[in-house]
Protein backbone atom coordinates (compact mmCIF):
# COMPACT_ATOMS: atom_id res chain seq x y z
CA MET A 1 0.79 10.23 -2.33
CA ALA A 2 -2.53 9.23 -3.94
CA GLN A 3 -1.80 11.57 -6.82
CA LYS A 4 1.65 9.99 -7.31
CA GLN A 5 -0.14 6.61 -7.59
CA GLN A 6 -2.68 8.13 -10.01
CA TYR A 7 -5.34 7.37 -7.37
CA VAL A 8 -5.00 3.61 -7.95
CA CYS A 9 -4.30 0.89 -5.39
CA PRO A 10 -1.15 -0.97 -6.51
CA VAL A 11 -2.52 -4.25 -5.15
CA CYS A 12 -5.97 -4.55 -6.73
CA GLY A 13 -5.79 -1.86 -9.40
CA GLU A 14 -9.01 -0.23 -8.20
CA SER A 15 -9.51 3.44 -7.39
CA LEU A 16 -8.32 4.64 -4.00
CA LEU A 17 -11.37 6.91 -3.94
CA ASN A 18 -14.04 4.23 -3.49
CA ASP A 19 -14.79 4.94 0.19
CA GLU A 20 -12.71 2.00 1.46
CA GLU A 21 -10.37 2.66 4.37
CA LEU A 22 -6.82 3.39 3.23
CA HIS A 23 -3.57 2.32 4.88
CA LEU A 24 0.04 3.34 4.40
CA HIS A 25 2.16 0.37 3.39
CA HIS A 26 5.95 0.23 3.67
CA LYS A 27 7.34 -1.22 0.43
CA LYS A 28 10.47 -2.30 2.30
CA PRO A 29 9.51 -3.23 5.86
CA LYS A 30 11.00 -1.18 8.68
CA SER A 31 12.26 -4.44 10.18
CA GLN A 32 14.39 -4.86 7.03
CA GLY A 33 15.78 -1.35 7.08
CA GLY A 34 12.98 0.45 5.28
CA GLY A 35 12.13 3.92 6.47
CA ASP A 36 9.16 6.21 6.69
CA ASN A 37 10.35 8.21 3.70
CA TYR A 38 7.94 9.11 0.93
CA GLY A 39 9.59 6.76 -1.58
CA ASN A 40 9.06 3.74 0.68
CA LEU A 41 5.37 4.31 1.32
CA GLN A 42 2.26 3.65 -0.73
CA LEU A 43 -1.47 3.89 -0.13
CA VAL A 44 -3.45 0.67 -0.30
CA HIS A 45 -6.96 -0.37 0.69
CA LEU A 46 -7.34 -1.92 4.14
CA TYR A 47 -8.28 -5.31 2.68
CA CYS A 48 -5.35 -5.20 0.25
CA HIS A 49 -3.01 -4.33 3.12
CA GLN A 50 -4.33 -7.32 5.08
CA GLN A 51 -3.67 -9.57 2.08
CA ILE A 52 -0.08 -8.34 1.79
CA HIS A 53 0.65 -9.06 5.44
CA SER A 54 -1.15 -12.40 5.51
CA GLY A 55 1.05 -13.65 2.67
CA THR A 56 -1.89 -14.05 0.30
CA ILE A 57 -0.13 -11.85 -2.25
CA CYS A 58 3.48 -10.86 -2.74
CA SER A 59 4.60 -7.62 -1.15
CA LEU A 60 4.89 -4.74 -3.59
């Protein structure tokens, strides 16, 4: 998955390989019918994931 994203966090644009904790993010939430399929998941940094879910930034 990291390779598919060219090792870049889609939220902040920084490298995924900077020793920050990574989380799997559902592009389309499961509560809205999104699944656990590869195309609906992306790797993001922990802090970026928290920003998405706090509403600080738009969901990707």
